[in-house]
Amino acid sequence: MNGTPLPLSTDKWTVYGQLTCGYTRAVVETNTPGMIFHRVTDRKMMTNDLGRLIGDYKTIPLVFYYGQFVGGHDDFMRMIGRV
């Protein structure tokens, strides 16, 4: 079993990040309904655990929509109409 919970196709939004990151905090503070937030304590473990889902993407936050990786902060904000 890995250390990072995988995003589920039944969860509308799944976000992985650190609240010390302004971009992660901005995503979480939108209080978007259906958002599940996973606090990352080990970024290397997170990228190893989620690697097959995110490819070479290395920055946080990592945002998934119904289990599909959509990108990071800017992608999320566009999807919810904030950009």
N, C-alpha and C. Protein backbone atom coordinates (compact mmCIF):
# COMPACT_ATOMS: atom_id res chain seq x y z
N MET A 1 0.85 -1.18 0.00
CA MET A 1 0.00 0.00 0.00
C MET A 1 0.89 1.24 0.00
N ASN A 2 0.51 2.23 -0.79
CA ASN A 2 1.32 3.44 -0.83
C ASN A 2 0.90 4.41 0.26
N GLY A 3 1.65 5.49 0.42
CA GLY A 3 1.36 6.46 1.47
C GLY A 3 0.42 7.57 1.07
N THR A 4 0.19 7.76 -0.22
CA THR A 4 -0.68 8.83 -0.70
C THR A 4 -1.98 8.23 -1.18
N PRO A 5 -3.13 8.66 -0.62
CA PRO A 5 -4.41 8.12 -1.09
C PRO A 5 -4.65 8.54 -2.54
N LEU A 6 -5.12 7.61 -3.34
CA LEU A 6 -5.38 7.91 -4.74
C LEU A 6 -6.70 8.66 -4.90
N PRO A 7 -6.80 9.50 -5.94
CA PRO A 7 -8.07 10.19 -6.18
C PRO A 7 -9.11 9.18 -6.65
N LEU A 8 -10.35 9.41 -6.26
CA LEU A 8 -11.43 8.51 -6.63
C LEU A 8 -12.30 9.14 -7.71
N SER A 9 -12.81 8.32 -8.60
CA SER A 9 -13.66 8.83 -9.68
C SER A 9 -15.00 9.31 -9.14
N THR A 10 -15.31 8.98 -7.90
CA THR A 10 -16.57 9.42 -7.30
C THR A 10 -16.44 10.77 -6.58
N ASP A 11 -15.21 11.25 -6.40
CA ASP A 11 -15.00 12.54 -5.74
C ASP A 11 -14.88 13.62 -6.79
N LYS A 12 -15.68 14.68 -6.66
CA LYS A 12 -15.68 15.73 -7.67
C LYS A 12 -14.30 16.35 -7.80
N TRP A 13 -13.76 16.88 -6.73
CA TRP A 13 -12.43 17.51 -6.74
C TRP A 13 -11.55 16.84 -5.70
N THR A 14 -10.35 16.47 -6.09
CA THR A 14 -9.34 15.97 -5.15
C THR A 14 -8.11 16.83 -5.35
N VAL A 15 -7.63 17.41 -4.26
CA VAL A 15 -6.49 18.33 -4.32
C VAL A 15 -5.41 17.83 -3.38
N TYR A 16 -4.17 17.81 -3.86
CA TYR A 16 -3.01 17.45 -3.07
C TYR A 16 -2.11 18.67 -2.99
N GLY A 17 -1.66 19.01 -1.79
CA GLY A 17 -0.76 20.15 -1.68
C GLY A 17 -0.35 20.42 -0.24
N GLN A 18 0.32 21.55 -0.08
CA GLN A 18 0.77 22.00 1.24
C GLN A 18 0.18 23.39 1.47
N LEU A 19 -0.40 23.61 2.64
CA LEU A 19 -1.03 24.90 2.91
C LEU A 19 -0.02 26.03 3.05
N THR A 20 1.27 25.70 3.13
CA THR A 20 2.29 26.75 3.13
C THR A 20 2.50 27.29 1.72
N CYS A 21 1.97 26.62 0.72
CA CYS A 21 2.03 27.06 -0.67
C CYS A 21 0.84 27.97 -0.96
N GLY A 22 1.11 29.18 -1.40
CA GLY A 22 0.03 30.13 -1.69
C GLY A 22 -0.94 29.63 -2.75
N TYR A 23 -0.45 28.91 -3.75
CA TYR A 23 -1.33 28.40 -4.81
C TYR A 23 -2.27 27.32 -4.26
N THR A 24 -1.73 26.43 -3.43
CA THR A 24 -2.57 25.42 -2.80
C THR A 24 -3.61 26.08 -1.91
N ARG A 25 -3.17 27.03 -1.10
CA ARG A 25 -4.09 27.72 -0.19
C ARG A 25 -5.21 28.41 -0.97
N ALA A 26 -4.88 29.05 -2.08
CA ALA A 26 -5.88 29.74 -2.90
C ALA A 26 -6.93 28.76 -3.43
N VAL A 27 -6.50 27.57 -3.83
CA VAL A 27 -7.44 26.56 -4.32
C VAL A 27 -8.35 26.10 -3.18
N VAL A 28 -7.77 25.77 -2.04
CA VAL A 28 -8.54 25.27 -0.90
C VAL A 28 -9.51 26.35 -0.40
N GLU A 29 -9.07 27.59 -0.38
CA GLU A 29 -9.91 28.68 0.15
C GLU A 29 -11.08 29.05 -0.76
N THR A 30 -11.17 28.46 -1.95
CA THR A 30 -12.36 28.70 -2.77
C THR A 30 -13.58 28.02 -2.15
N ASN A 31 -13.33 27.08 -1.23
CA ASN A 31 -14.42 26.32 -0.59
C ASN A 31 -15.37 25.72 -1.62
N THR A 32 -14.80 25.22 -2.69
CA THR A 32 -15.59 24.62 -3.76
C THR A 32 -16.27 23.35 -3.25
N PRO A 33 -17.60 23.24 -3.45
CA PRO A 33 -18.31 22.04 -2.99
C PRO A 33 -17.73 20.77 -3.62
N GLY A 34 -17.65 19.75 -2.82
CA GLY A 34 -17.17 18.45 -3.29
C GLY A 34 -15.66 18.31 -3.31
N MET A 35 -14.94 19.24 -2.67
CA MET A 35 -13.47 19.17 -2.68
C MET A 35 -12.95 18.34 -1.52
N ILE A 36 -12.05 17.43 -1.84
CA ILE A 36 -11.32 16.65 -0.85
C ILE A 36 -9.88 17.14 -0.90
N PHE A 37 -9.34 17.54 0.24
CA PHE A 37 -7.97 18.04 0.28
C PHE A 37 -7.09 17.05 1.03
N HIS A 38 -5.95 16.72 0.43
CA HIS A 38 -4.96 15.87 1.07
C HIS A 38 -3.70 16.69 1.31
N ARG A 39 -3.36 16.87 2.56
CA ARG A 39 -2.13 17.60 2.92
C ARG A 39 -0.94 16.71 2.63
N VAL A 40 -0.01 17.23 1.87
CA VAL A 40 1.19 16.50 1.48
C VAL A 40 2.31 16.83 2.46
N THR A 41 2.89 15.80 3.03
CA THR A 41 4.04 16.01 3.92
C THR A 41 5.34 15.57 3.25
N ASP A 42 5.22 14.73 2.24
CA ASP A 42 6.41 14.22 1.54
C ASP A 42 6.13 14.32 0.04
N ARG A 43 6.62 15.39 -0.58
CA ARG A 43 6.34 15.62 -2.00
C ARG A 43 6.92 14.53 -2.89
N LYS A 44 8.09 14.01 -2.52
CA LYS A 44 8.69 12.95 -3.33
C LYS A 44 7.81 11.70 -3.31
N MET A 45 7.31 11.33 -2.13
CA MET A 45 6.43 10.17 -2.04
C MET A 45 5.16 10.43 -2.84
N MET A 46 4.62 11.65 -2.76
CA MET A 46 3.39 11.98 -3.48
C MET A 46 3.61 11.81 -4.98
N THR A 47 4.70 12.37 -5.52
CA THR A 47 4.92 12.28 -6.96
C THR A 47 5.22 10.84 -7.37
N ASN A 48 5.86 10.07 -6.50
CA ASN A 48 6.08 8.65 -6.80
C ASN A 48 4.76 7.89 -6.80
N ASP A 49 3.92 8.13 -5.80
CA ASP A 49 2.64 7.42 -5.67
C ASP A 49 1.66 7.80 -6.78
N LEU A 50 1.67 9.05 -7.19
CA LEU A 50 0.71 9.53 -8.19
C LEU A 50 1.31 9.64 -9.58
N GLY A 51 2.58 9.24 -9.72
CA GLY A 51 3.30 9.42 -10.97
C GLY A 51 2.60 8.92 -12.21
N ARG A 52 1.99 7.76 -12.14
CA ARG A 52 1.34 7.22 -13.34
C ARG A 52 0.11 8.05 -13.72
N LEU A 53 -0.41 8.84 -12.79
CA LEU A 53 -1.58 9.68 -13.07
C LEU A 53 -1.21 11.08 -13.52
N ILE A 54 -0.04 11.56 -13.08
CA ILE A 54 0.33 12.95 -13.35
C ILE A 54 1.47 13.12 -14.34
N GLY A 55 2.08 12.04 -14.76
CA GLY A 55 3.21 12.15 -15.69
C GLY A 55 4.37 12.88 -15.07
N ASP A 56 4.92 13.86 -15.78
CA ASP A 56 6.08 14.60 -15.30
C ASP A 56 5.73 15.85 -14.50
N TYR A 57 4.47 16.06 -14.21
CA TYR A 57 4.04 17.24 -13.47
C TYR A 57 4.66 17.20 -12.08
N LYS A 58 5.30 18.28 -11.65
CA LYS A 58 6.05 18.25 -10.39
C LYS A 58 5.60 19.28 -9.35
N THR A 59 4.75 20.22 -9.71
CA THR A 59 4.41 21.28 -8.76
C THR A 59 3.10 20.99 -8.04
N ILE A 60 2.89 21.71 -6.95
CA ILE A 60 1.63 21.59 -6.22
C ILE A 60 0.89 22.92 -6.34
N PRO A 61 -0.40 22.89 -6.23
CA PRO A 61 -1.25 21.74 -5.96
C PRO A 61 -1.42 20.84 -7.18
N LEU A 62 -1.80 19.61 -6.91
CA LEU A 62 -2.22 18.67 -7.95
C LEU A 62 -3.73 18.58 -7.84
N VAL A 63 -4.42 18.82 -8.92
CA VAL A 63 -5.89 18.86 -8.90
C VAL A 63 -6.45 17.77 -9.82
N PHE A 64 -7.37 17.01 -9.27
CA PHE A 64 -8.07 15.96 -10.01
C PHE A 64 -9.56 16.28 -10.02
N TYR A 65 -10.20 15.99 -11.13
CA TYR A 65 -11.65 16.18 -11.28
C TYR A 65 -12.25 14.82 -11.59
N TYR A 66 -13.06 14.33 -10.68
CA TYR A 66 -13.63 12.98 -10.79
C TYR A 66 -12.55 11.95 -11.12
N GLY A 67 -11.41 12.06 -10.43
CA GLY A 67 -10.34 11.07 -10.56
C GLY A 67 -9.39 11.29 -11.71
N GLN A 68 -9.64 12.29 -12.55
CA GLN A 68 -8.78 12.57 -13.70
C GLN A 68 -7.92 13.80 -13.40
N PHE A 69 -6.63 13.69 -13.62
CA PHE A 69 -5.73 14.81 -13.38
C PHE A 69 -6.02 15.94 -14.36
N VAL A 70 -6.22 17.15 -13.83
CA VAL A 70 -6.50 18.31 -14.69
C VAL A 70 -5.41 19.36 -14.63
N GLY A 71 -4.49 19.28 -13.67
CA GLY A 71 -3.40 20.24 -13.59
C GLY A 71 -3.25 20.83 -12.20
N GLY A 72 -2.98 22.13 -12.18
CA GLY A 72 -2.72 22.81 -10.92
C GLY A 72 -3.65 23.98 -10.68
N HIS A 73 -3.14 24.97 -9.98
CA HIS A 73 -3.90 26.14 -9.57
C HIS A 73 -4.60 26.82 -10.75
N ASP A 74 -3.84 27.21 -11.77
CA ASP A 74 -4.43 27.95 -12.89
C ASP A 74 -5.50 27.14 -13.61
N ASP A 75 -5.27 25.86 -13.78
CA ASP A 75 -6.23 25.00 -14.46
C ASP A 75 -7.52 24.91 -13.64
N PHE A 76 -7.38 24.73 -12.33
CA PHE A 76 -8.54 24.66 -11.45
C PHE A 76 -9.34 25.96 -11.50
N MET A 77 -8.65 27.09 -11.39
CA MET A 77 -9.34 28.38 -11.38
C MET A 77 -10.10 28.61 -12.70
N ARG A 78 -9.51 28.18 -13.81
CA ARG A 78 -10.21 28.29 -15.09
C ARG A 78 -11.47 27.42 -15.09
N MET A 79 -11.35 26.22 -14.56
CA MET A 79 -12.48 25.29 -14.57
C MET A 79 -13.65 25.77 -13.73
N ILE A 80 -13.35 26.49 -12.65
CA ILE A 80 -14.45 26.97 -11.81
C ILE A 80 -14.86 28.40 -12.18
N GLY A 81 -14.25 28.94 -13.23
CA GLY A 81 -14.65 30.26 -13.71
C GLY A 81 -14.09 31.43 -12.96
N ARG A 82 -12.95 31.25 -12.30
CA ARG A 82 -12.34 32.33 -11.53
C ARG A 82 -11.23 33.05 -12.31
N VAL A 83 -10.98 32.62 -13.54
CA VAL A 83 -9.95 33.29 -14.35
C VAL A 83 -10.60 33.74 -15.64
